[in-house]
C-alpha cells in the first residue's frame, strides 16, 4: 500500500513538473535575432572597401531584410512574441512559426550560395549602390517603427 502511495505521488510530481516545464518554455520572438546590422555606411566608405568585403555586406543586408520585412505589421525589432501581440501561443501557431523560420533559413542558405557564386561578377559601383539602397531601406524600417 505504501509503495502505491509513493508511486502515485511520484507520478503526480512528474506530470505536474512536465506541465510546468511546457508552460514555462521560452516563447520565440516573431522576428529572429540577427536582423540588426552593425554599421551603416556612406558611399565613400564603401568605395574604399575591397570587393570581398562589399559582397559580405550585401549578403548580410539581404539577410536582415528577409528576416524583418514579412513581420513589419507586427514589429520591427526582435523580442515581440505571439503572446505579446495577443496571438494564442498554442501548438499550431508555434508550429507554423517554426515552419516559417525553417523556410526563411533555407531560403537564406540557398540565396547565400547563389550570391557567393554569382555576385562576384557584379559591377563594384552597382554593388555599392545596392548596399546603400538596402541600408536606407533598413533605416526607413526603423523610422517606420517610430511612427507605428
C-alpha atoms as a PDB file:
ATOM      1  CA  UNK A   1       0.000   0.000   0.000  1.00  0.00           C
ATOM      2  CA  UNK A   2       2.736   2.415   0.963  1.00  0.00           C
ATOM      3  CA  UNK A   3       4.557   1.594  -2.299  1.00  0.00           C
ATOM      4  CA  UNK A   4       1.459   2.567  -4.286  1.00  0.00           C
ATOM      5  CA  UNK A   5       1.187   5.895  -2.482  1.00  0.00           C
ATOM      6  CA  UNK A   6       4.832   6.633  -3.195  1.00  0.00           C
ATOM      7  CA  UNK A   7       4.378   5.571  -6.833  1.00  0.00           C
ATOM      8  CA  UNK A   8       1.283   7.778  -7.325  1.00  0.00           C
ATOM      9  CA  UNK A   9       2.976  10.686  -5.558  1.00  0.00           C
ATOM     10  CA  UNK A  10       5.995  10.396  -7.849  1.00  0.00           C
ATOM     11  CA  UNK A  11       3.738  10.180 -10.906  1.00  0.00           C
ATOM     12  CA  UNK A  12       1.844  13.268  -9.759  1.00  0.00           C
ATOM     13  CA  UNK A  13       5.041  15.293  -9.354  1.00  0.00           C
ATOM     14  CA  UNK A  14       6.381  14.098 -12.697  1.00  0.00           C
ATOM     15  CA  UNK A  15       3.193  15.039 -14.550  1.00  0.00           C
ATOM     16  CA  UNK A  16       2.990  18.378 -12.752  1.00  0.00           C
ATOM     17  CA  UNK A  17       6.659  19.070 -13.473  1.00  0.00           C
ATOM     18  CA  UNK A  18       6.260  18.241 -17.154  1.00  0.00           C
ATOM     19  CA  UNK A  19       3.222  20.509 -17.359  1.00  0.00           C
ATOM     20  CA  UNK A  20       5.110  23.407 -15.799  1.00  0.00           C
ATOM     21  CA  UNK A  21       8.148  22.760 -17.979  1.00  0.00           C
ATOM     22  CA  UNK A  22       5.995  23.017 -21.087  1.00  0.00           C
ATOM     23  CA  UNK A  23       4.219  26.167 -19.926  1.00  0.00           C
ATOM     24  CA  UNK A  24       7.478  27.851 -18.907  1.00  0.00           C
ATOM     25  CA  UNK A  25       9.103  27.069 -22.235  1.00  0.00           C
ATOM     26  CA  UNK A  26      10.639  30.255 -23.590  1.00  0.00           C
ATOM     27  CA  UNK A  27       8.410  31.758 -26.230  1.00  0.00           C
ATOM     28  CA  UNK A  28      10.074  32.621 -29.533  1.00  0.00           C
ATOM     29  CA  UNK A  29      10.345  36.110 -30.878  1.00  0.00           C
ATOM     30  CA  UNK A  30       8.442  36.610 -34.127  1.00  0.00           C
ATOM     31  CA  UNK A  31      11.462  38.395 -35.554  1.00  0.00           C
ATOM     32  CA  UNK A  32      14.582  36.273 -35.412  1.00  0.00           C
ATOM     33  CA  UNK A  33      17.766  37.581 -33.867  1.00  0.00           C
ATOM     34  CA  UNK A  34      20.368  38.916 -36.235  1.00  0.00           C
ATOM     35  CA  UNK A  35      18.232  41.449 -38.083  1.00  0.00           C
ATOM     36  CA  UNK A  36      20.284  44.403 -36.948  1.00  0.00           C
ATOM     37  CA  UNK A  37      23.367  45.419 -38.848  1.00  0.00           C
ATOM     38  CA  UNK A  38      26.443  46.657 -37.015  1.00  0.00           C
ATOM     39  CA  UNK A  39      27.110  49.781 -39.035  1.00  0.00           C
ATOM     40  CA  UNK A  40      25.615  51.891 -41.749  1.00  0.00           C
ATOM     41  CA  UNK A  41      27.980  53.185 -44.401  1.00  0.00           C
ATOM     42  CA  UNK A  42      28.298  56.116 -46.734  1.00  0.00           C
ATOM     43  CA  UNK A  43      29.308  55.914 -50.366  1.00  0.00           C
ATOM     44  CA  UNK A  44      32.978  56.971 -49.921  1.00  0.00           C
ATOM     45  CA  UNK A  45      33.463  54.325 -47.193  1.00  0.00           C
ATOM     46  CA  UNK A  46      32.040  51.614 -49.398  1.00  0.00           C
ATOM     47  CA  UNK A  47      34.054  52.717 -52.415  1.00  0.00           C
ATOM     48  CA  UNK A  48      37.280  52.229 -50.428  1.00  0.00           C
ATOM     49  CA  UNK A  49      36.381  48.661 -49.436  1.00  0.00           C
ATOM     50  CA  UNK A  50      37.613  45.613 -51.310  1.00  0.00           C
ATOM     51  CA  UNK A  51      35.003  43.768 -53.323  1.00  0.00           C
ATOM     52  CA  UNK A  52      35.082  40.749 -50.993  1.00  0.00           C
ATOM     53  CA  UNK A  53      34.028  42.926 -48.059  1.00  0.00           C
ATOM     54  CA  UNK A  54      31.283  44.501 -50.159  1.00  0.00           C
ATOM     55  CA  UNK A  55      29.977  41.047 -51.068  1.00  0.00           C
ATOM     56  CA  UNK A  56      29.705  40.158 -47.379  1.00  0.00           C
ATOM     57  CA  UNK A  57      27.881  43.395 -46.569  1.00  0.00           C
ATOM     58  CA  UNK A  58      25.482  42.839 -49.452  1.00  0.00           C
ATOM     59  CA  UNK A  59      24.538  39.332 -48.300  1.00  0.00           C
ATOM     60  CA  UNK A  60      24.256  40.473 -44.668  1.00  0.00           C
ATOM     61  CA  UNK A  61      21.809  43.221 -45.592  1.00  0.00           C
ATOM     62  CA  UNK A  62      19.675  40.861 -47.654  1.00  0.00           C
ATOM     63  CA  UNK A  63      19.517  38.504 -44.676  1.00  0.00           C
ATOM     64  CA  UNK A  64      18.425  41.315 -42.365  1.00  0.00           C
ATOM     65  CA  UNK A  65      15.701  42.431 -44.745  1.00  0.00           C
ATOM     66  CA  UNK A  66      14.407  38.899 -45.351  1.00  0.00           C
ATOM     67  CA  UNK A  67      14.203  38.290 -41.604  1.00  0.00           C
ATOM     68  CA  UNK A  68      12.425  41.585 -40.993  1.00  0.00           C
ATOM     69  CA  UNK A  69      10.171  42.594 -43.884  1.00  0.00           C
ATOM     70  CA  UNK A  70       7.498  39.878 -43.583  1.00  0.00           C
ATOM     71  CA  UNK A  71       6.822  40.891 -39.987  1.00  0.00           C
ATOM     72  CA  UNK A  72       6.665  44.698 -40.012  1.00  0.00           C
ATOM     73  CA  UNK A  73       2.905  44.602 -39.484  1.00  0.00           C
ATOM     74  CA  UNK A  74       3.728  43.092 -36.069  1.00  0.00           C
ATOM     75  CA  UNK A  75       7.081  44.563 -35.085  1.00  0.00           C
ATOM     76  CA  UNK A  76      10.392  45.822 -36.403  1.00  0.00           C
ATOM     77  CA  UNK A  77      12.697  44.533 -33.666  1.00  0.00           C
ATOM     78  CA  UNK A  78      13.281  41.146 -32.040  1.00  0.00           C
ATOM     79  CA  UNK A  79      11.618  40.403 -28.728  1.00  0.00           C
ATOM     80  CA  UNK A  80       7.955  40.598 -29.727  1.00  0.00           C
ATOM     81  CA  UNK A  81       6.235  37.260 -29.252  1.00  0.00           C
ATOM     82  CA  UNK A  82       2.863  35.908 -30.306  1.00  0.00           C
ATOM     83  CA  UNK A  83       1.570  36.385 -26.763  1.00  0.00           C
ATOM     84  CA  UNK A  84       2.777  39.998 -26.768  1.00  0.00           C
ATOM     85  CA  UNK A  85       0.550  40.583 -29.791  1.00  0.00           C
ATOM     86  CA  UNK A  86      -2.432  38.700 -28.381  1.00  0.00           C
ATOM     87  CA  UNK A  87      -1.897  35.731 -30.702  1.00  0.00           C
ATOM     88  CA  UNK A  88      -2.519  32.436 -28.908  1.00  0.00           C
ATOM     89  CA  UNK A  89       0.785  30.689 -28.252  1.00  0.00           C
ATOM     90  CA  UNK A  90      -0.675  27.288 -28.936  1.00  0.00           C
ATOM     91  CA  UNK A  91       0.827  24.245 -30.588  1.00  0.00           C
ATOM     92  CA  UNK A  92      -0.468  25.071 -34.090  1.00  0.00           C
ATOM     93  CA  UNK A  93       0.723  28.678 -34.038  1.00  0.00           C
ATOM     94  CA  UNK A  94       4.113  27.693 -32.651  1.00  0.00           C
ATOM     95  CA  UNK A  95       4.419  25.019 -35.310  1.00  0.00           C
ATOM     96  CA  UNK A  96       3.621  27.424 -38.155  1.00  0.00           C
ATOM     97  CA  UNK A  97       6.119  29.973 -36.774  1.00  0.00           C
ATOM     98  CA  UNK A  98       8.797  27.264 -36.633  1.00  0.00           C
ATOM     99  CA  UNK A  99       7.941  26.272 -40.194  1.00  0.00           C
ATOM    100  CA  UNK A 100       8.269  29.909 -41.293  1.00  0.00           C
ATOM    101  CA  UNK A 101      11.685  30.183 -39.611  1.00  0.00           C
ATOM    102  CA  UNK A 102      12.833  26.971 -41.298  1.00  0.00           C
ATOM    103  CA  UNK A 103      11.674  28.232 -44.712  1.00  0.00           C
ATOM    104  CA  UNK A 104      13.430  31.557 -44.152  1.00  0.00           C
ATOM    105  CA  UNK A 105      16.654  29.856 -43.077  1.00  0.00           C
ATOM    106  CA  UNK A 106      16.516  27.534 -46.084  1.00  0.00           C
ATOM    107  CA  UNK A 107      15.953  30.461 -48.450  1.00  0.00           C
ATOM    108  CA  UNK A 108      18.817  32.413 -46.904  1.00  0.00           C
ATOM    109  CA  UNK A 109      21.192  29.455 -47.225  1.00  0.00           C
ATOM    110  CA  UNK A 110      20.290  28.982 -50.885  1.00  0.00           C
ATOM    111  CA  UNK A 111      20.493  32.710 -51.514  1.00  0.00           C
ATOM    112  CA  UNK A 112      23.917  32.960 -49.871  1.00  0.00           C
ATOM    113  CA  UNK A 113      25.183  30.080 -52.018  1.00  0.00           C
ATOM    114  CA  UNK A 114      23.861  31.816 -55.126  1.00  0.00           C
ATOM    115  CA  UNK A 115      25.282  35.183 -54.122  1.00  0.00           C
ATOM    116  CA  UNK A 116      28.727  33.727 -53.351  1.00  0.00           C
ATOM    117  CA  UNK A 117      28.811  32.136 -56.782  1.00  0.00           C
ATOM    118  CA  UNK A 118      27.266  34.863 -58.950  1.00  0.00           C
ATOM    119  CA  UNK A 119      27.693  38.161 -57.096  1.00  0.00           C
ATOM    120  CA  UNK A 120      31.472  38.411 -57.672  1.00  0.00           C
ATOM    121  CA  UNK A 121      30.642  39.109 -61.320  1.00  0.00           C
ATOM    122  CA  UNK A 122      28.699  42.241 -60.373  1.00  0.00           C
ATOM    123  CA  UNK A 123      29.986  45.716 -61.076  1.00  0.00           C
ATOM    124  CA  UNK A 124      31.519  47.233 -57.935  1.00  0.00           C
ATOM    125  CA  UNK A 125      29.662  50.538 -58.381  1.00  0.00           C
ATOM    126  CA  UNK A 126      26.350  48.663 -58.666  1.00  0.00           C
ATOM    127  CA  UNK A 127      27.232  46.664 -55.569  1.00  0.00           C
ATOM    128  CA  UNK A 128      27.930  49.863 -53.617  1.00  0.00           C
ATOM    129  CA  UNK A 129      24.616  51.352 -54.791  1.00  0.00           C
ATOM    130  CA  UNK A 130      22.720  48.215 -53.810  1.00  0.00           C
ATOM    131  CA  UNK A 131      24.263  48.175 -50.322  1.00  0.00           C
ATOM    132  CA  UNK A 132      23.348  51.834 -49.848  1.00  0.00           C
ATOM    133  CA  UNK A 133      19.802  51.089 -51.008  1.00  0.00           C
ATOM    134  CA  UNK A 134      19.457  48.169 -48.572  1.00  0.00           C
ATOM    135  CA  UNK A 135      20.824  50.260 -45.728  1.00  0.00           C
ATOM    136  CA  UNK A 136      18.392  53.098 -46.497  1.00  0.00           C
ATOM    137  CA  UNK A 137      15.570  50.562 -46.527  1.00  0.00           C
ATOM    138  CA  UNK A 138      16.646  49.281 -43.105  1.00  0.00           C
ATOM    139  CA  UNK A 139      16.854  52.856 -41.777  1.00  0.00           C
ATOM    140  CA  UNK A 140      13.360  53.506 -43.160  1.00  0.00           C
ATOM    141  CA  UNK A 141      12.055  50.470 -41.294  1.00  0.00           C
ATOM    142  CA  UNK A 142      13.443  51.865 -38.044  1.00  0.00           C
ATOM    143  CA  UNK A 143      11.745  55.193 -38.770  1.00  0.00           C
ATOM    144  CA  UNK A 144       8.546  53.296 -39.578  1.00  0.00           C
ATOM    145  CA  UNK A 145       8.745  51.716 -36.131  1.00  0.00           C
ATOM    146  CA  UNK A 146       8.869  55.154 -34.516  1.00  0.00           C
ATOM    147  CA  UNK A 147       5.658  56.234 -36.269  1.00  0.00           C
ATOM    148  CA  UNK A 148       3.899  52.940 -35.641  1.00  0.00           C
END
